[in-house]
Amino acid sequence: MKKSILILSAAFMSLAIVQSASAQTATQGLSLSVIKVYRIAITGGTITLGINTGVAGTNALTAVSDASSTYAITQNNSAATHLTANLDAIMPKGKLQIALASVLGTSSGTVDISNAIAASAATVVTAIAMGAEAGKSITYTFSANASEGLLTATSKTVTLTVVD
């Protein structure tokens, strides 16, 4: 009986030694971060705005608008983030305005960007909260006065920029 207990004890001890020998662990430290992410995209193709009517006796011709474009934005920085708009060059004649809708931020309403180039970009949405929104409307309005004369087809590029 003593022999059986001794053999059984030796078997349990060897099992315990084998289990502790096969249970190894290793650790590794990680450094995690999320950097500033600003993303903006515009949907919609080239827009054509042509003024071709007015009211007799009135200098201001009938303005034209287009709201077929939308934008999407993602930002994770702060509520001080805002959107600016500018043209590639100052308008030679007429006035171009832009209005952007926003739920995450506060729209500046209809903003004249006729003279807004990169160095003097106009703020169009302020206080954009962290998060994302898509399908927000962009409305362009083009107006001119009869006294300015003709403006042959002029191409312009509008740039929207996310700024913190």
N, C-alpha and C. Protein backbone atom coordinates (compact mmCIF):
# COMPACT_ATOMS: atom_id res chain seq x y z
N MET A 1 0.82 -1.18 0.00
CA MET A 1 0.00 0.00 0.00
C MET A 1 0.87 1.26 0.00
N LYS A 2 1.95 1.22 0.85
CA LYS A 2 2.86 2.35 0.89
C LYS A 2 3.51 2.54 -0.46
N LYS A 3 3.82 1.43 -1.12
CA LYS A 3 4.43 1.50 -2.43
C LYS A 3 3.48 2.16 -3.43
N SER A 4 2.19 1.83 -3.38
CA SER A 4 1.21 2.41 -4.31
C SER A 4 1.06 3.89 -4.06
N ILE A 5 1.03 4.29 -2.80
CA ILE A 5 0.90 5.72 -2.48
C ILE A 5 2.15 6.45 -2.95
N LEU A 6 3.29 5.86 -2.75
CA LEU A 6 4.54 6.47 -3.17
C LEU A 6 4.59 6.62 -4.70
N ILE A 7 4.17 5.61 -5.43
CA ILE A 7 4.16 5.65 -6.89
C ILE A 7 3.14 6.69 -7.38
N LEU A 8 1.98 6.69 -6.74
CA LEU A 8 0.93 7.65 -7.10
C LEU A 8 1.40 9.09 -6.81
N SER A 9 2.07 9.31 -5.70
CA SER A 9 2.59 10.63 -5.36
C SER A 9 3.65 11.07 -6.37
N ALA A 10 4.52 10.17 -6.76
CA ALA A 10 5.56 10.47 -7.74
C ALA A 10 4.92 10.82 -9.09
N ALA A 11 3.85 10.13 -9.45
CA ALA A 11 3.17 10.41 -10.73
C ALA A 11 2.55 11.81 -10.70
N PHE A 12 1.90 12.17 -9.60
CA PHE A 12 1.31 13.52 -9.48
C PHE A 12 2.37 14.60 -9.51
N MET A 13 3.49 14.36 -8.85
CA MET A 13 4.58 15.35 -8.82
C MET A 13 5.14 15.55 -10.22
N SER A 14 5.32 14.49 -10.97
CA SER A 14 5.87 14.62 -12.32
C SER A 14 4.87 15.32 -13.24
N LEU A 15 3.58 15.06 -13.02
CA LEU A 15 2.54 15.74 -13.80
C LEU A 15 2.57 17.25 -13.50
N ALA A 16 2.73 17.63 -12.26
CA ALA A 16 2.79 19.04 -11.87
C ALA A 16 4.03 19.71 -12.47
N ILE A 17 5.14 19.01 -12.48
CA ILE A 17 6.38 19.56 -13.05
C ILE A 17 6.22 19.73 -14.55
N VAL A 18 5.62 18.75 -15.23
CA VAL A 18 5.41 18.84 -16.67
C VAL A 18 4.48 20.02 -17.00
N GLN A 19 3.40 20.19 -16.22
CA GLN A 19 2.47 21.30 -16.48
C GLN A 19 3.15 22.64 -16.29
N SER A 20 3.94 22.82 -15.24
CA SER A 20 4.58 24.11 -15.03
C SER A 20 5.67 24.35 -16.06
N ALA A 21 6.28 23.34 -16.58
CA ALA A 21 7.31 23.50 -17.59
C ALA A 21 6.69 23.90 -18.93
N SER A 22 5.44 23.51 -19.22
CA SER A 22 4.83 23.83 -20.51
C SER A 22 4.04 25.14 -20.46
N ALA A 23 3.86 25.76 -19.34
CA ALA A 23 3.08 27.00 -19.22
C ALA A 23 4.02 28.20 -19.19
N GLN A 24 4.42 28.70 -20.38
CA GLN A 24 5.29 29.86 -20.46
C GLN A 24 4.48 31.05 -20.94
N THR A 25 4.87 32.23 -20.52
CA THR A 25 4.22 33.45 -20.98
C THR A 25 5.28 34.44 -21.44
N ALA A 26 4.84 35.36 -22.28
CA ALA A 26 5.70 36.45 -22.74
C ALA A 26 4.82 37.69 -22.82
N THR A 27 5.40 38.83 -22.59
CA THR A 27 4.63 40.08 -22.66
C THR A 27 5.30 41.04 -23.64
N GLN A 28 4.50 41.97 -24.14
CA GLN A 28 5.03 42.97 -25.05
C GLN A 28 4.29 44.27 -24.80
N GLY A 29 5.02 45.36 -24.74
CA GLY A 29 4.41 46.68 -24.57
C GLY A 29 3.95 47.23 -25.91
N LEU A 30 2.89 48.01 -25.88
CA LEU A 30 2.36 48.66 -27.09
C LEU A 30 2.24 50.15 -26.85
N SER A 31 2.52 50.92 -27.86
CA SER A 31 2.28 52.36 -27.81
C SER A 31 1.23 52.65 -28.87
N LEU A 32 0.08 53.16 -28.45
CA LEU A 32 -1.04 53.39 -29.35
C LEU A 32 -1.34 54.88 -29.46
N SER A 33 -1.72 55.33 -30.63
CA SER A 33 -2.09 56.73 -30.80
C SER A 33 -3.08 56.87 -31.94
N VAL A 34 -3.84 57.94 -31.90
CA VAL A 34 -4.70 58.34 -33.00
C VAL A 34 -4.30 59.76 -33.33
N ILE A 35 -3.85 59.97 -34.56
CA ILE A 35 -3.42 61.30 -34.97
C ILE A 35 -4.60 62.06 -35.57
N LYS A 36 -4.40 63.35 -35.83
CA LYS A 36 -5.44 64.16 -36.45
C LYS A 36 -5.81 63.57 -37.80
N VAL A 37 -7.11 63.42 -38.01
CA VAL A 37 -7.61 62.93 -39.29
C VAL A 37 -8.60 63.95 -39.82
N TYR A 38 -8.30 64.50 -40.97
CA TYR A 38 -9.20 65.41 -41.67
C TYR A 38 -9.42 64.84 -43.06
N ARG A 39 -10.66 64.59 -43.40
CA ARG A 39 -10.98 64.10 -44.73
C ARG A 39 -12.20 64.86 -45.24
N ILE A 40 -12.13 65.29 -46.48
CA ILE A 40 -13.28 65.94 -47.11
C ILE A 40 -13.35 65.45 -48.55
N ALA A 41 -14.56 65.25 -49.02
CA ALA A 41 -14.78 64.82 -50.40
C ALA A 41 -16.00 65.56 -50.94
N ILE A 42 -15.96 65.85 -52.23
CA ILE A 42 -17.07 66.53 -52.90
C ILE A 42 -17.62 65.60 -53.97
N THR A 43 -18.94 65.49 -54.05
CA THR A 43 -19.56 64.71 -55.12
C THR A 43 -20.25 65.68 -56.07
N GLY A 44 -20.31 65.29 -57.31
CA GLY A 44 -20.92 66.13 -58.34
C GLY A 44 -19.86 66.52 -59.34
N GLY A 45 -20.24 66.61 -60.57
CA GLY A 45 -19.30 66.95 -61.64
C GLY A 45 -19.16 68.45 -61.81
N THR A 46 -18.67 68.83 -62.96
CA THR A 46 -18.50 70.24 -63.28
C THR A 46 -19.86 70.91 -63.36
N ILE A 47 -19.97 72.08 -62.79
CA ILE A 47 -21.22 72.83 -62.74
C ILE A 47 -21.12 73.99 -63.73
N THR A 48 -22.19 74.21 -64.48
CA THR A 48 -22.24 75.33 -65.41
C THR A 48 -23.29 76.31 -64.93
N LEU A 49 -22.85 77.53 -64.67
CA LEU A 49 -23.76 78.59 -64.25
C LEU A 49 -23.69 79.71 -65.29
N GLY A 50 -24.76 79.89 -66.03
CA GLY A 50 -24.79 80.92 -67.06
C GLY A 50 -25.98 81.85 -66.87
N ILE A 51 -25.70 83.13 -66.79
CA ILE A 51 -26.76 84.13 -66.66
C ILE A 51 -27.23 84.52 -68.05
N ASN A 52 -28.54 84.42 -68.27
CA ASN A 52 -29.04 84.73 -69.60
C ASN A 52 -30.36 85.51 -69.59
N THR A 53 -30.68 86.11 -68.46
CA THR A 53 -31.91 86.88 -68.38
C THR A 53 -31.79 87.98 -67.33
N GLY A 54 -32.70 88.91 -67.42
CA GLY A 54 -32.75 90.00 -66.47
C GLY A 54 -34.10 90.70 -66.60
N VAL A 55 -34.29 91.71 -65.80
CA VAL A 55 -35.53 92.48 -65.82
C VAL A 55 -35.22 93.84 -66.43
N ALA A 56 -36.04 94.25 -67.41
CA ALA A 56 -35.83 95.54 -68.08
C ALA A 56 -35.82 96.67 -67.05
N GLY A 57 -34.83 97.55 -67.17
CA GLY A 57 -34.71 98.69 -66.28
C GLY A 57 -33.97 98.38 -64.99
N THR A 58 -33.49 97.14 -64.82
CA THR A 58 -32.77 96.74 -63.61
C THR A 58 -31.34 96.35 -63.97
N ASN A 59 -30.34 96.91 -63.29
CA ASN A 59 -28.94 96.60 -63.57
C ASN A 59 -28.59 95.17 -63.19
N ALA A 60 -29.13 94.69 -62.07
CA ALA A 60 -28.83 93.33 -61.62
C ALA A 60 -29.53 92.32 -62.51
N LEU A 61 -28.73 91.49 -63.16
CA LEU A 61 -29.28 90.42 -63.98
C LEU A 61 -29.81 89.31 -63.07
N THR A 62 -30.58 88.41 -63.63
CA THR A 62 -31.19 87.35 -62.83
C THR A 62 -30.12 86.32 -62.44
N ALA A 63 -29.88 86.19 -61.15
CA ALA A 63 -28.86 85.27 -60.63
C ALA A 63 -29.27 83.82 -60.91
N VAL A 64 -28.26 82.95 -61.01
CA VAL A 64 -28.50 81.51 -61.21
C VAL A 64 -27.85 80.75 -60.07
N SER A 65 -28.47 79.62 -59.70
CA SER A 65 -27.96 78.80 -58.59
C SER A 65 -27.91 77.34 -58.98
N ASP A 66 -27.10 76.60 -58.27
CA ASP A 66 -27.00 75.15 -58.44
C ASP A 66 -26.74 74.52 -57.07
N ALA A 67 -27.54 73.53 -56.72
CA ALA A 67 -27.37 72.82 -55.44
C ALA A 67 -27.25 71.31 -55.68
N SER A 68 -26.65 70.94 -56.79
CA SER A 68 -26.55 69.51 -57.14
C SER A 68 -25.35 68.81 -56.51
N SER A 69 -24.44 69.54 -55.91
CA SER A 69 -23.24 68.94 -55.31
C SER A 69 -23.44 68.73 -53.82
N THR A 70 -22.70 67.76 -53.28
CA THR A 70 -22.69 67.52 -51.83
C THR A 70 -21.25 67.30 -51.38
N TYR A 71 -21.08 67.37 -50.07
CA TYR A 71 -19.76 67.08 -49.52
C TYR A 71 -19.90 66.15 -48.33
N ALA A 72 -18.80 65.49 -48.00
CA ALA A 72 -18.71 64.63 -46.82
C ALA A 72 -17.45 65.03 -46.08
N ILE A 73 -17.51 64.95 -44.75
CA ILE A 73 -16.36 65.35 -43.94
C ILE A 73 -16.21 64.38 -42.77
N THR A 74 -14.97 64.13 -42.40
CA THR A 74 -14.63 63.36 -41.21
C THR A 74 -13.51 64.12 -40.51
N GLN A 75 -13.65 64.32 -39.20
CA GLN A 75 -12.58 64.99 -38.45
C GLN A 75 -12.63 64.53 -37.00
N ASN A 76 -11.47 64.39 -36.40
CA ASN A 76 -11.37 63.89 -35.02
C ASN A 76 -10.54 64.79 -34.12
N ASN A 77 -10.44 66.07 -34.47
CA ASN A 77 -9.54 66.92 -33.70
C ASN A 77 -10.24 67.72 -32.61
N SER A 78 -10.97 68.75 -32.96
CA SER A 78 -11.61 69.58 -31.95
C SER A 78 -12.75 70.37 -32.56
N ALA A 79 -13.54 70.97 -31.70
CA ALA A 79 -14.67 71.78 -32.17
C ALA A 79 -14.22 73.10 -32.78
N ALA A 80 -12.93 73.40 -32.72
CA ALA A 80 -12.42 74.61 -33.35
C ALA A 80 -12.20 74.40 -34.85
N THR A 81 -12.41 73.19 -35.32
CA THR A 81 -12.22 72.87 -36.73
C THR A 81 -13.26 73.59 -37.57
N HIS A 82 -12.83 74.11 -38.73
CA HIS A 82 -13.76 74.80 -39.61
C HIS A 82 -13.41 74.52 -41.07
N LEU A 83 -14.32 74.89 -41.96
CA LEU A 83 -14.12 74.72 -43.40
C LEU A 83 -13.97 76.08 -44.06
N THR A 84 -13.03 76.16 -44.98
CA THR A 84 -12.87 77.37 -45.77
C THR A 84 -13.09 77.04 -47.24
N ALA A 85 -13.41 78.07 -48.02
CA ALA A 85 -13.58 77.93 -49.46
C ALA A 85 -12.81 79.04 -50.15
N ASN A 86 -12.20 78.68 -51.27
CA ASN A 86 -11.51 79.69 -52.07
C ASN A 86 -11.50 79.29 -53.53
N LEU A 87 -11.24 80.27 -54.36
CA LEU A 87 -11.12 80.06 -55.81
C LEU A 87 -9.64 80.01 -56.19
N ASP A 88 -9.39 79.49 -57.38
CA ASP A 88 -8.01 79.46 -57.88
C ASP A 88 -7.55 80.84 -58.33
N ALA A 89 -8.50 81.72 -58.66
CA ALA A 89 -8.18 83.10 -59.04
C ALA A 89 -9.41 83.97 -58.80
N ILE A 90 -9.18 85.25 -58.59
CA ILE A 90 -10.28 86.19 -58.34
C ILE A 90 -11.20 86.25 -59.56
N MET A 91 -12.48 86.42 -59.31
CA MET A 91 -13.46 86.54 -60.40
C MET A 91 -13.22 87.84 -61.17
N PRO A 92 -13.16 87.78 -62.50
CA PRO A 92 -12.95 89.01 -63.27
C PRO A 92 -14.22 89.89 -63.31
N LYS A 93 -15.38 89.24 -63.26
CA LYS A 93 -16.67 89.95 -63.27
C LYS A 93 -17.67 89.08 -62.53
N GLY A 94 -18.73 89.70 -62.08
CA GLY A 94 -19.78 88.96 -61.41
C GLY A 94 -19.41 88.62 -59.98
N LYS A 95 -20.32 87.90 -59.35
CA LYS A 95 -20.12 87.51 -57.95
C LYS A 95 -20.50 86.04 -57.80
N LEU A 96 -19.61 85.25 -57.18
CA LEU A 96 -19.86 83.84 -56.92
C LEU A 96 -20.00 83.65 -55.42
N GLN A 97 -21.11 83.06 -55.03
CA GLN A 97 -21.36 82.78 -53.61
C GLN A 97 -21.50 81.27 -53.41
N ILE A 98 -21.20 80.84 -52.19
CA ILE A 98 -21.31 79.43 -51.83
C ILE A 98 -21.98 79.32 -50.46
N ALA A 99 -22.77 78.28 -50.29
CA ALA A 99 -23.39 78.00 -48.99
C ALA A 99 -23.29 76.50 -48.76
N LEU A 100 -22.78 76.13 -47.59
CA LEU A 100 -22.65 74.72 -47.23
C LEU A 100 -23.55 74.41 -46.04
N ALA A 101 -24.32 73.35 -46.16
CA ALA A 101 -25.14 72.88 -45.04
C ALA A 101 -24.25 72.07 -44.10
N SER A 102 -24.60 72.03 -42.81
CA SER A 102 -23.84 71.23 -41.86
C SER A 102 -24.69 70.93 -40.63
N VAL A 103 -24.53 69.72 -40.12
CA VAL A 103 -25.16 69.33 -38.86
C VAL A 103 -24.10 69.34 -37.75
N LEU A 104 -22.88 68.94 -38.10
CA LEU A 104 -21.79 68.89 -37.11
C LEU A 104 -21.27 70.28 -36.75
N GLY A 105 -21.44 71.23 -37.66
CA GLY A 105 -20.92 72.57 -37.43
C GLY A 105 -21.98 73.62 -37.67
N THR A 106 -21.53 74.87 -37.71
CA THR A 106 -22.43 76.00 -37.95
C THR A 106 -22.12 76.59 -39.32
N SER A 107 -23.10 76.53 -40.21
CA SER A 107 -22.93 77.10 -41.54
C SER A 107 -22.83 78.62 -41.44
N SER A 108 -21.96 79.20 -42.25
CA SER A 108 -21.83 80.65 -42.31
C SER A 108 -22.87 81.25 -43.24
N GLY A 109 -23.77 80.43 -43.76
CA GLY A 109 -24.79 80.89 -44.69
C GLY A 109 -24.20 81.08 -46.07
N THR A 110 -24.74 82.02 -46.81
CA THR A 110 -24.25 82.30 -48.16
C THR A 110 -23.05 83.25 -48.06
N VAL A 111 -21.92 82.80 -48.59
CA VAL A 111 -20.66 83.54 -48.46
C VAL A 111 -20.13 83.90 -49.84
N ASP A 112 -19.76 85.15 -50.03
CA ASP A 112 -19.18 85.62 -51.29
C ASP A 112 -17.72 85.15 -51.35
N ILE A 113 -17.40 84.35 -52.38
CA ILE A 113 -16.02 83.87 -52.54
C ILE A 113 -15.39 84.44 -53.82
N SER A 114 -15.99 85.46 -54.39
CA SER A 114 -15.50 86.06 -55.65
C SER A 114 -14.04 86.48 -55.57
N ASN A 115 -13.63 87.00 -54.41
CA ASN A 115 -12.25 87.48 -54.23
C ASN A 115 -11.45 86.61 -53.27
N ALA A 116 -11.99 85.46 -52.91
CA ALA A 116 -11.32 84.56 -51.95
C ALA A 116 -10.37 83.63 -52.69
N ILE A 117 -9.10 83.90 -52.55
CA ILE A 117 -8.09 82.98 -53.09
C ILE A 117 -7.45 82.27 -51.90
N ALA A 118 -6.50 81.39 -52.14
CA ALA A 118 -5.93 80.58 -51.06
C ALA A 118 -5.47 81.42 -49.87
N ALA A 119 -4.86 82.55 -50.14
CA ALA A 119 -4.33 83.39 -49.06
C ALA A 119 -5.43 84.09 -48.27
N SER A 120 -6.63 84.17 -48.84
CA SER A 120 -7.72 84.86 -48.17
C SER A 120 -9.00 84.03 -48.22
N ALA A 121 -8.85 82.74 -47.98
CA ALA A 121 -10.00 81.83 -48.05
C ALA A 121 -11.10 82.27 -47.08
N ALA A 122 -12.35 82.08 -47.49
CA ALA A 122 -13.50 82.48 -46.69
C ALA A 122 -13.99 81.31 -45.84
N THR A 123 -14.31 81.58 -44.59
CA THR A 123 -14.85 80.54 -43.71
C THR A 123 -16.30 80.30 -44.07
N VAL A 124 -16.64 79.01 -44.31
CA VAL A 124 -18.01 78.66 -44.72
C VAL A 124 -18.74 77.79 -43.71
N VAL A 125 -18.01 77.08 -42.84
CA VAL A 125 -18.60 76.31 -41.75
C VAL A 125 -17.67 76.44 -40.55
N THR A 126 -18.22 76.75 -39.38
CA THR A 126 -17.41 76.89 -38.17
C THR A 126 -17.81 75.85 -37.13
N ALA A 127 -16.98 75.71 -36.12
CA ALA A 127 -17.26 74.88 -34.94
C ALA A 127 -17.72 73.47 -35.30
N ILE A 128 -16.97 72.81 -36.17
CA ILE A 128 -17.34 71.46 -36.60
C ILE A 128 -16.96 70.47 -35.50
N ALA A 129 -17.95 69.77 -34.99
CA ALA A 129 -17.71 68.79 -33.92
C ALA A 129 -16.98 67.57 -34.48
N MET A 130 -16.34 66.83 -33.59
CA MET A 130 -15.68 65.60 -34.00
C MET A 130 -16.73 64.61 -34.49
N GLY A 131 -16.39 63.92 -35.56
CA GLY A 131 -17.31 62.93 -36.13
C GLY A 131 -17.29 62.98 -37.64
N ALA A 132 -18.40 62.57 -38.22
CA ALA A 132 -18.48 62.52 -39.68
C ALA A 132 -19.90 62.83 -40.13
N GLU A 133 -20.00 63.42 -41.29
CA GLU A 133 -21.30 63.63 -41.93
C GLU A 133 -21.10 63.56 -43.44
N ALA A 134 -22.13 63.13 -44.12
CA ALA A 134 -22.06 62.97 -45.57
C ALA A 134 -23.36 63.47 -46.20
N GLY A 135 -23.30 63.73 -47.50
CA GLY A 135 -24.48 64.15 -48.23
C GLY A 135 -24.95 65.55 -47.89
N LYS A 136 -24.06 66.41 -47.42
CA LYS A 136 -24.43 67.78 -47.06
C LYS A 136 -24.36 68.66 -48.30
N SER A 137 -25.38 69.48 -48.51
CA SER A 137 -25.50 70.24 -49.75
C SER A 137 -24.51 71.39 -49.87
N ILE A 138 -24.11 71.62 -51.11
CA ILE A 138 -23.30 72.77 -51.50
C ILE A 138 -24.15 73.54 -52.51
N THR A 139 -24.39 74.81 -52.25
CA THR A 139 -25.16 75.63 -53.19
C THR A 139 -24.28 76.76 -53.71
N TYR A 140 -24.18 76.85 -55.03
CA TYR A 140 -23.45 77.93 -55.68
C TYR A 140 -24.46 78.91 -56.27
N THR A 141 -24.20 80.21 -56.14
CA THR A 141 -25.04 81.23 -56.74
C THR A 141 -24.12 82.21 -57.48
N PHE A 142 -24.44 82.44 -58.75
CA PHE A 142 -23.66 83.34 -59.58
C PHE A 142 -24.56 84.50 -59.99
N SER A 143 -24.06 85.71 -59.76
CA SER A 143 -24.83 86.91 -60.12
C SER A 143 -23.90 87.91 -60.81
N ALA A 144 -24.52 88.81 -61.58
CA ALA A 144 -23.75 89.84 -62.29
C ALA A 144 -24.67 91.01 -62.60
N ASN A 145 -24.06 92.13 -62.88
CA ASN A 145 -24.79 93.33 -63.28
C ASN A 145 -24.61 93.57 -64.77
N ALA A 146 -25.63 94.13 -65.40
CA ALA A 146 -25.57 94.43 -66.82
C ALA A 146 -24.41 95.38 -67.12
N SER A 147 -24.13 96.30 -66.20
CA SER A 147 -23.07 97.29 -66.40
C SER A 147 -21.67 96.66 -66.43
N GLU A 148 -21.53 95.39 -66.02
CA GLU A 148 -20.22 94.71 -66.06
C GLU A 148 -19.90 94.17 -67.45
N GLY A 149 -20.89 94.09 -68.31
CA GLY A 149 -20.66 93.57 -69.65
C GLY A 149 -20.66 92.05 -69.69
N LEU A 150 -20.12 91.53 -70.77
CA LEU A 150 -20.11 90.08 -70.99
C LEU A 150 -18.97 89.39 -70.25
N LEU A 151 -19.19 88.16 -69.91
CA LEU A 151 -18.14 87.30 -69.34
C LEU A 151 -18.17 86.02 -70.16
N THR A 152 -17.14 85.85 -70.99
CA THR A 152 -17.09 84.62 -71.78
C THR A 152 -16.80 83.46 -70.85
N ALA A 153 -17.08 82.26 -71.29
CA ALA A 153 -16.92 81.06 -70.45
C ALA A 153 -15.59 81.09 -69.70
N THR A 154 -15.68 81.16 -68.39
CA THR A 154 -14.52 81.22 -67.52
C THR A 154 -14.56 80.02 -66.58
N SER A 155 -13.50 79.27 -66.52
CA SER A 155 -13.44 78.12 -65.62
C SER A 155 -12.83 78.54 -64.29
N LYS A 156 -13.44 78.08 -63.22
CA LYS A 156 -12.94 78.34 -61.88
C LYS A 156 -12.87 77.02 -61.12
N THR A 157 -11.96 76.93 -60.19
CA THR A 157 -11.86 75.77 -59.30
C THR A 157 -12.11 76.25 -57.88
N VAL A 158 -13.05 75.61 -57.21
CA VAL A 158 -13.34 75.92 -55.81
C VAL A 158 -12.63 74.88 -54.95
N THR A 159 -11.92 75.32 -53.94
CA THR A 159 -11.23 74.43 -53.01
C THR A 159 -11.85 74.57 -51.62
N LEU A 160 -12.28 73.45 -51.05
CA LEU A 160 -12.75 73.40 -49.67
C LEU A 160 -11.63 72.81 -48.82
N THR A 161 -11.32 73.45 -47.71
CA THR A 161 -10.22 73.02 -46.86
C THR A 161 -10.68 72.89 -45.42
N VAL A 162 -10.32 71.78 -44.78
CA VAL A 162 -10.60 71.57 -43.35
C VAL A 162 -9.42 72.16 -42.58
N VAL A 163 -9.72 73.07 -41.65
CA VAL A 163 -8.69 73.80 -40.91
C VAL A 163 -8.95 73.65 -39.41
N ASP A 164 -7.88 73.47 -38.63
CA ASP A 164 -8.07 73.43 -37.17
C ASP A 164 -7.62 74.72 -36.54
